Amino acid sequence: MGEENYLRKIIHIDMDAFYASVEQLDNPELRGKAIAVGGSEERGVVAAASYEAREFGVRSAMSSIIAKRNCPHLIFVKPRFERYRQISNKIRAIFLEYTDLVEPLSLDEAYLDVTQNKKGHPSATLIAREIREKIKLETGLNASAGISINKFIAKVASDINKPNGQKTINPEEVEEFLENLQIRKFHGVGKVTAEKMYQLGIFKGFDLKQKSEEFLTEHFGKSGAHYYNVVRGIHLSEVKPNRIRKSLGAERTFDENISSEIFMLERLSNIAEEIERRLQKSKVAGKTITLKIKYSDFSLHTRSKTLPYYISSRDLVLETARELLYQEKMKNSVRLLGISLSNLNTEKPEKKDEIAVQLKFEF
């Protein structure tokens, strides 16, 4: 691998409890209270939780039942995605005042490359502060930011001073920062991977850095090379304004658990119809269909099949989903079904990262 001096100033902006904060902004009666945006009290999943709710252990992706058990006074609010999208567009317009290199990850977060920016401002730290102040002024909402030499470190840094704060990791601080970082704080290392790393004696970045690339690849497959590089501050993924979609899907949580396969097929038919609509809107097709099943005991199972051709029609999606449904006998009644399409015709082969030597760089 070649070496190059490739220096960037990357900002990761992350809105604080975005959906919940919008609801509290629009409804003063909800301010200062524990609220959850998403499903009903009896069913469904929490899409977002206010910081007041998080103090009681309520988190996104948690079932409503468990959330209510953790926080008995929790208030459930139905999501209003059109409203969230409206505010998200305002925030994105602010980003574009500074750079055209904006990569949205969702409605509430994005990467910005401000190495060369429209304001001609040399300090990414001050740009991040200015952006956060503008967001507050124009929307009434708080944002946090992480600033560093690449997307990976900026993403990790944005969590450090949340809510309503920011953290800059300067080039000369990167090595020490990553070595002292708890492995569970590494972006992309989930609970299962963290547990596996603990068993291998990897608790901090320093421990990870002691392992060879061969060792990490042996234990973590393709991700091993990624871990080997990021702990050394190497992550050359560029900020891509037109981010390539890698999957598309839809799912439904039912008001009552269903055990009849006929009813399941009826629900899958509706989901497949929704996917067809989204595929046509995005003008994409895919080869890999994944069926997601969550049982009444909350256990989650997925089954996938890759076709030799791209599909985008409801009938073909449903036909494959039906085949996957009958692949195994149902173990219990079902509370959620979902279908996703991946291996899309938008994907391009990824280039291997080259090693970048980070030199002095004013932040």
Protein backbone atom coordinates (compact mmCIF):
# COMPACT_ATOMS: atom_id res chain seq x y z
CA MET A 1 0.00 0.00 0.00
CA GLY A 2 1.24 3.45 -0.89
CA GLU A 3 1.67 6.36 1.46
CA GLU A 4 0.29 9.84 0.93
CA ASN A 5 -0.18 13.02 2.90
CA TYR A 6 -3.96 13.24 2.77
CA LEU A 7 -5.35 15.74 5.24
CA ARG A 8 -8.99 16.56 5.78
CA LYS A 9 -11.17 18.49 8.20
CA ILE A 10 -14.31 16.48 8.84
CA ILE A 11 -17.28 17.51 10.98
CA HIS A 12 -19.95 15.08 12.13
CA ILE A 13 -23.14 16.90 13.16
CA ASP A 14 -25.67 14.93 15.20
CA MET A 15 -28.97 16.44 16.36
CA ASP A 16 -29.73 15.77 20.03
CA ALA A 17 -32.69 13.37 20.50
CA PHE A 18 -34.02 14.80 17.24
CA TYR A 19 -37.55 13.36 16.93
CA ALA A 20 -38.24 13.78 20.64
CA SER A 21 -36.78 17.29 20.68
CA VAL A 22 -39.02 18.33 17.76
CA GLU A 23 -42.07 17.06 19.64
CA GLN A 24 -41.06 18.99 22.75
CA LEU A 25 -40.38 22.09 20.64
CA ASP A 26 -43.83 21.98 19.03
CA ASN A 27 -45.70 21.01 22.20
CA PRO A 28 -44.58 23.01 25.28
CA GLU A 29 -46.53 20.63 27.53
CA LEU A 30 -44.02 17.89 26.70
CA ARG A 31 -40.94 19.91 27.59
CA GLY A 32 -38.95 18.54 30.51
CA LYS A 33 -40.90 15.28 30.40
CA ALA A 34 -39.93 11.72 29.56
CA ILE A 35 -41.29 11.04 26.09
CA ALA A 36 -40.83 8.30 23.50
CA VAL A 37 -41.56 8.75 19.83
CA GLY A 38 -42.76 5.60 18.14
CA GLY A 39 -45.25 2.74 18.63
CA SER A 40 -48.05 2.65 21.12
CA GLU A 41 -47.73 1.94 24.81
CA GLU A 42 -48.80 -1.68 24.28
CA ARG A 43 -46.98 -2.45 21.05
CA GLY A 44 -44.24 -1.22 18.81
CA VAL A 45 -40.71 0.05 19.14
CA VAL A 46 -39.24 3.31 20.43
CA ALA A 47 -37.90 5.37 17.51
CA ALA A 48 -36.42 8.09 19.76
CA ALA A 49 -36.40 9.01 23.44
CA SER A 50 -36.01 12.38 25.13
CA TYR A 51 -33.05 12.83 27.46
CA GLU A 52 -35.49 12.80 30.39
CA ALA A 53 -36.55 9.29 29.29
CA ARG A 54 -32.97 8.15 28.71
CA GLU A 55 -32.23 8.74 32.37
CA PHE A 56 -34.53 5.78 33.04
CA GLY A 57 -32.82 3.54 30.49
CA VAL A 58 -35.22 4.14 27.61
CA ARG A 59 -33.42 3.81 24.28
CA SER A 60 -34.26 3.78 20.59
CA ALA A 61 -35.08 0.33 19.15
CA MET A 62 -36.36 -0.77 22.59
CA SER A 63 -39.80 -2.36 22.72
CA SER A 64 -42.53 -0.09 24.07
CA ILE A 65 -43.38 -2.60 26.80
CA ILE A 66 -39.83 -2.63 28.18
CA ALA A 67 -39.58 1.16 27.84
CA LYS A 68 -42.76 1.62 29.88
CA ARG A 69 -41.50 -0.86 32.46
CA ASN A 70 -38.27 1.14 32.84
CA CYS A 71 -40.11 4.46 32.96
CA PRO A 72 -43.73 4.14 34.17
CA HIS A 73 -44.47 7.85 33.54
CA LEU A 74 -43.23 7.67 29.94
CA ILE A 75 -45.39 9.54 27.41
CA PHE A 76 -45.73 7.98 23.96
CA VAL A 77 -45.98 10.31 20.96
CA LYS A 78 -46.79 9.30 17.38
CA PRO A 79 -44.02 10.17 14.91
CA ARG A 80 -44.55 12.98 12.36
CA PHE A 81 -41.94 12.30 9.70
CA GLU A 82 -43.06 15.10 7.41
CA ARG A 83 -42.35 17.58 10.20
CA TYR A 84 -38.96 16.00 10.94
CA ARG A 85 -38.11 16.11 7.23
CA GLN A 86 -39.11 19.77 7.04
CA ILE A 87 -36.72 20.72 9.84
CA SER A 88 -34.02 18.41 8.48
CA ASN A 89 -34.15 20.31 5.17
CA LYS A 90 -33.60 23.60 7.02
CA ILE A 91 -30.59 22.14 8.78
CA ARG A 92 -29.16 20.78 5.54
CA ALA A 93 -29.50 24.24 3.96
CA ILE A 94 -27.29 25.59 6.77
CA PHE A 95 -24.66 22.92 6.04
CA LEU A 96 -24.64 23.90 2.36
CA GLU A 97 -23.78 27.49 3.28
CA TYR A 98 -20.36 26.15 4.30
CA THR A 99 -19.64 23.27 1.92
CA ASP A 100 -21.20 21.22 -0.86
CA LEU A 101 -19.52 18.12 0.55
CA VAL A 102 -22.38 17.08 2.83
CA GLU A 103 -23.20 13.39 3.34
CA PRO A 104 -26.51 12.89 5.16
CA LEU A 105 -26.70 9.66 7.17
CA SER A 106 -30.32 10.20 8.20
CA LEU A 107 -32.68 13.09 8.94
CA ASP A 108 -30.71 14.00 12.06
CA GLU A 109 -27.02 13.52 11.25
CA ALA A 110 -24.48 14.22 8.52
CA TYR A 111 -20.80 14.44 7.69
CA LEU A 112 -19.31 17.66 6.33
CA ASP A 113 -15.92 18.02 4.68
CA VAL A 114 -14.80 21.60 5.36
CA THR A 115 -11.16 21.19 4.32
CA GLN A 116 -11.96 23.70 1.57
CA ASN A 117 -15.09 25.61 2.57
CA LYS A 118 -17.22 28.39 1.12
CA LYS A 119 -16.41 30.76 3.99
CA GLY A 120 -12.66 30.34 3.54
CA HIS A 121 -12.52 29.64 7.29
CA PRO A 122 -9.34 27.85 8.44
CA SER A 123 -10.85 26.45 11.66
CA ALA A 124 -13.18 23.45 11.47
CA THR A 125 -13.78 23.80 15.21
CA LEU A 126 -15.15 27.33 14.80
CA ILE A 127 -17.19 26.30 11.74
CA ALA A 128 -18.84 23.53 13.79
CA ARG A 129 -19.64 25.99 16.59
CA GLU A 130 -21.07 28.49 14.10
CA ILE A 131 -23.23 25.81 12.45
CA ARG A 132 -24.60 24.66 15.80
CA GLU A 133 -25.45 28.25 16.76
CA LYS A 134 -27.27 28.76 13.43
CA ILE A 135 -29.24 25.54 13.88
CA LYS A 136 -30.33 26.70 17.35
CA LEU A 137 -31.28 30.15 16.05
CA GLU A 138 -33.24 28.93 13.03
CA THR A 139 -34.88 25.78 14.44
CA GLY A 140 -34.73 26.08 18.22
CA LEU A 141 -33.00 22.71 18.46
CA ASN A 142 -29.63 21.63 19.86
CA ALA A 143 -26.95 19.82 17.89
CA SER A 144 -23.67 18.20 18.88
CA ALA A 145 -20.55 17.88 16.74
CA GLY A 146 -17.34 15.93 16.41
CA ILE A 147 -14.39 17.33 14.48
CA SER A 148 -11.31 15.44 13.34
CA ILE A 149 -9.18 14.14 10.46
CA ASN A 150 -11.63 11.51 9.19
CA LYS A 151 -15.26 10.38 9.36
CA PHE A 152 -14.64 7.59 11.86
CA ILE A 153 -13.01 9.77 14.52
CA ALA A 154 -15.43 12.66 13.95
CA LYS A 155 -18.36 10.27 14.49
CA VAL A 156 -16.89 8.96 17.74
CA ALA A 157 -16.05 12.51 18.91
CA SER A 158 -19.60 13.81 18.40
CA ASP A 159 -20.84 11.57 21.25
CA ILE A 160 -18.30 12.80 23.79
CA ASN A 161 -19.88 16.12 24.86
CA LYS A 162 -23.52 15.33 24.09
CA PRO A 163 -25.99 16.93 24.42
CA ASN A 164 -25.41 20.41 22.95
CA GLY A 165 -21.61 20.20 22.83
CA GLN A 166 -18.72 19.44 20.55
CA LYS A 167 -15.32 17.79 20.66
CA THR A 168 -12.28 18.29 18.43
CA ILE A 169 -9.63 15.60 18.11
CA ASN A 170 -6.60 17.35 16.61
CA PRO A 171 -4.17 15.37 14.41
CA GLU A 172 -1.51 15.23 17.11
CA GLU A 173 -4.11 13.91 19.59
CA VAL A 174 -5.46 11.11 17.41
CA GLU A 175 -3.05 8.34 18.46
CA GLU A 176 -3.48 8.88 22.21
CA PHE A 177 -7.24 9.36 21.86
CA LEU A 178 -7.73 6.08 20.01
CA GLU A 179 -5.43 4.12 22.31
CA ASN A 180 -7.39 5.25 25.38
CA LEU A 181 -10.83 4.79 23.79
CA GLN A 182 -12.97 2.01 25.27
CA ILE A 183 -13.55 -0.61 22.58
CA ARG A 184 -17.35 -0.34 22.97
CA LYS A 185 -17.04 3.32 22.02
CA PHE A 186 -15.56 2.47 18.61
CA HIS A 187 -18.17 3.29 15.98
CA GLY A 188 -19.37 0.05 14.41
CA VAL A 189 -18.45 -2.18 17.37
CA GLY A 190 -21.76 -3.47 18.69
CA LYS A 191 -22.52 -5.38 21.86
CA VAL A 192 -21.79 -8.82 20.40
CA THR A 193 -18.48 -7.75 18.83
CA ALA A 194 -17.44 -5.96 22.02
CA GLU A 195 -18.05 -9.12 24.06
CA LYS A 196 -15.96 -11.12 21.61
CA MET A 197 -13.15 -8.58 21.86
CA TYR A 198 -13.29 -8.69 25.66
CA GLN A 199 -12.80 -12.47 25.48
CA LEU A 200 -9.71 -11.85 23.35
CA GLY A 201 -8.31 -9.39 25.90
CA ILE A 202 -9.21 -6.29 23.86
CA PHE A 203 -10.72 -3.62 26.10
CA LYS A 204 -9.27 -0.38 24.73
CA GLY A 205 -7.81 0.88 21.49
CA PHE A 206 -4.34 0.19 22.84
CA ASP A 207 -5.16 -3.51 23.20
CA LEU A 208 -6.61 -3.59 19.69
CA LYS A 209 -3.47 -1.97 18.32
CA GLN A 210 -1.32 -4.82 19.65
CA LYS A 211 -3.10 -7.37 17.47
CA SER A 212 -1.85 -8.12 13.97
CA GLU A 213 -4.05 -7.68 10.93
CA GLU A 214 -3.92 -11.46 10.40
CA PHE A 215 -5.15 -12.07 13.96
CA LEU A 216 -8.04 -9.62 13.58
CA THR A 217 -9.03 -11.00 10.17
CA GLU A 218 -8.99 -14.51 11.57
CA HIS A 219 -11.41 -13.56 14.36
CA PHE A 220 -13.53 -10.85 12.69
CA GLY A 221 -13.39 -11.64 8.98
CA LYS A 222 -13.43 -8.66 6.62
CA SER A 223 -13.99 -6.29 9.54
CA GLY A 224 -10.59 -7.26 10.93
CA ALA A 225 -8.71 -5.10 8.41
CA HIS A 226 -11.06 -2.21 9.19
CA TYR A 227 -10.34 -2.45 12.94
CA TYR A 228 -6.60 -2.72 12.23
CA ASN A 229 -6.69 0.53 10.24
CA VAL A 230 -9.09 2.72 12.24
CA VAL A 231 -7.23 2.22 15.51
CA ARG A 232 -4.22 3.70 13.70
CA GLY A 233 -6.25 6.69 12.53
CA ILE A 234 -6.56 5.33 8.98
CA HIS A 235 -10.02 5.75 7.46
CA LEU A 236 -10.07 7.22 3.98
CA SER A 237 -13.78 7.02 3.24
CA GLU A 238 -14.66 10.31 1.59
CA VAL A 239 -17.65 12.49 2.37
CA LYS A 240 -20.01 11.62 -0.47
CA PRO A 241 -22.81 14.14 -1.18
CA ASN A 242 -24.73 11.55 -3.20
CA ARG A 243 -24.49 8.68 -0.78
CA ILE A 244 -25.16 5.34 -2.44
CA ARG A 245 -28.12 3.50 -0.96
CA LYS A 246 -27.14 -0.05 0.04
CA SER A 247 -30.53 -1.43 1.06
CA LEU A 248 -34.21 -0.63 1.13
CA GLY A 249 -36.90 -2.17 3.26
CA ALA A 250 -40.10 -1.92 5.27
CA GLU A 251 -41.50 -3.67 8.33
CA ARG A 252 -44.67 -3.80 10.40
CA THR A 253 -45.29 -4.41 14.10
CA PHE A 254 -48.76 -5.87 14.63
CA ASP A 255 -51.39 -4.78 17.16
CA GLU A 256 -51.82 -8.45 18.07
CA ASN A 257 -49.44 -11.36 17.60
CA ILE A 258 -50.29 -13.50 14.59
CA SER A 259 -49.74 -17.24 14.22
CA SER A 260 -51.56 -17.95 10.97
CA GLU A 261 -49.29 -18.11 7.92
CA ILE A 262 -52.21 -16.90 5.78
CA PHE A 263 -52.36 -13.68 7.83
CA MET A 264 -48.57 -13.39 7.60
CA LEU A 265 -48.70 -13.62 3.81
CA GLU A 266 -51.36 -10.93 3.75
CA ARG A 267 -49.10 -8.62 5.81
CA LEU A 268 -46.08 -9.50 3.65
CA SER A 269 -48.10 -8.61 0.56
CA ASN A 270 -48.71 -5.11 1.97
CA ILE A 271 -45.03 -4.74 2.88
CA ALA A 272 -43.93 -5.89 -0.59
CA GLU A 273 -46.27 -3.31 -2.12
CA GLU A 274 -44.67 -0.58 -0.01
CA ILE A 275 -41.19 -1.75 -1.05
CA GLU A 276 -42.18 -1.67 -4.73
CA ARG A 277 -43.33 1.94 -4.25
CA ARG A 278 -40.03 2.91 -2.65
CA LEU A 279 -37.98 1.08 -5.27
CA GLN A 280 -39.80 2.86 -8.09
CA LYS A 281 -39.40 6.22 -6.37
CA SER A 282 -35.65 5.61 -5.90
CA LYS A 283 -35.33 4.00 -9.35
CA VAL A 284 -33.34 1.03 -8.00
CA ALA A 285 -33.60 -2.76 -7.96
CA GLY A 286 -31.91 -5.46 -5.89
CA LYS A 287 -30.87 -9.10 -5.86
CA THR A 288 -30.86 -10.08 -2.16
CA ILE A 289 -34.17 -10.37 -0.31
CA THR A 290 -34.12 -10.67 3.49
CA LEU A 291 -37.13 -11.67 5.56
CA LYS A 292 -37.16 -10.40 9.15
CA ILE A 293 -39.29 -12.15 11.77
CA LYS A 294 -39.65 -11.07 15.39
CA TYR A 295 -41.49 -13.60 17.53
CA SER A 296 -43.71 -12.91 20.53
CA ASP A 297 -40.79 -13.75 22.84
CA PHE A 298 -38.85 -10.90 21.11
CA SER A 299 -36.35 -13.29 19.50
CA LEU A 300 -35.33 -12.02 16.06
CA HIS A 301 -34.64 -14.22 13.03
CA THR A 302 -33.64 -13.33 9.47
CA ARG A 303 -33.58 -15.42 6.31
CA SER A 304 -32.06 -14.27 3.03
CA LYS A 305 -31.89 -15.35 -0.59
CA THR A 306 -29.82 -13.84 -3.43
CA LEU A 307 -31.27 -14.07 -6.93
CA PRO A 308 -29.21 -14.17 -10.15
CA TYR A 309 -31.04 -11.07 -11.43
CA TYR A 310 -32.28 -7.69 -10.13
CA ILE A 311 -35.91 -7.34 -9.11
CA SER A 312 -38.11 -4.39 -8.21
CA SER A 313 -41.68 -5.65 -8.58
CA ARG A 314 -44.04 -6.40 -5.71
CA ASP A 315 -44.85 -9.87 -7.09
CA LEU A 316 -41.23 -11.04 -7.29
CA VAL A 317 -40.38 -9.61 -3.85
CA LEU A 318 -43.43 -11.31 -2.35
CA GLU A 319 -42.72 -14.62 -4.11
CA THR A 320 -39.21 -14.75 -2.60
CA ALA A 321 -40.44 -13.60 0.83
CA ARG A 322 -43.08 -16.36 0.75
CA GLU A 323 -40.41 -18.93 -0.03
CA LEU A 324 -38.32 -17.68 2.88
CA LEU A 325 -41.33 -17.75 5.20
CA TYR A 326 -41.94 -21.44 4.46
CA GLN A 327 -38.24 -22.27 4.76
CA GLU A 328 -38.66 -23.12 8.44
CA LYS A 329 -41.64 -23.87 10.63
CA MET A 330 -42.84 -20.98 12.78
CA LYS A 331 -41.54 -21.40 16.33
CA ASN A 332 -44.02 -19.04 17.96
CA SER A 333 -46.58 -16.37 17.19
CA VAL A 334 -45.17 -13.35 15.36
CA ARG A 335 -45.21 -9.68 16.41
CA LEU A 336 -43.23 -8.16 13.54
CA LEU A 337 -42.50 -8.93 9.90
CA GLY A 338 -40.17 -7.08 7.58
CA ILE A 339 -38.67 -7.37 4.12
CA SER A 340 -35.51 -5.67 2.88
CA LEU A 341 -33.80 -5.63 -0.48
CA SER A 342 -30.00 -5.27 -0.71
CA ASN A 343 -27.24 -5.93 -3.23
CA LEU A 344 -28.75 -3.03 -5.18
CA ASN A 345 -27.83 -1.97 -8.70
CA THR A 346 -26.51 1.30 -7.27
CA GLU A 347 -23.54 -0.33 -5.54
CA LYS A 348 -20.02 -0.04 -6.92
CA PRO A 349 -16.96 -2.12 -6.02
CA GLU A 350 -15.12 -0.47 -3.13
CA LYS A 351 -11.50 0.50 -3.50
CA LYS A 352 -9.08 -0.63 -0.84
CA ASP A 353 -7.94 2.11 1.52
CA GLU A 354 -4.39 3.30 1.22
CA ILE A 355 -2.38 4.19 4.29
CA ALA A 356 -2.43 7.90 4.96
CA VAL A 357 0.23 9.64 7.04
CA GLN A 358 -1.40 12.39 9.13
CA LEU A 359 0.83 15.43 9.56
CA LYS A 360 0.40 18.78 11.34
CA PHE A 361 -2.92 20.35 10.55
CA GLU A 362 -4.58 23.42 12.07
CA PHE A 363 -8.04 22.69 13.45
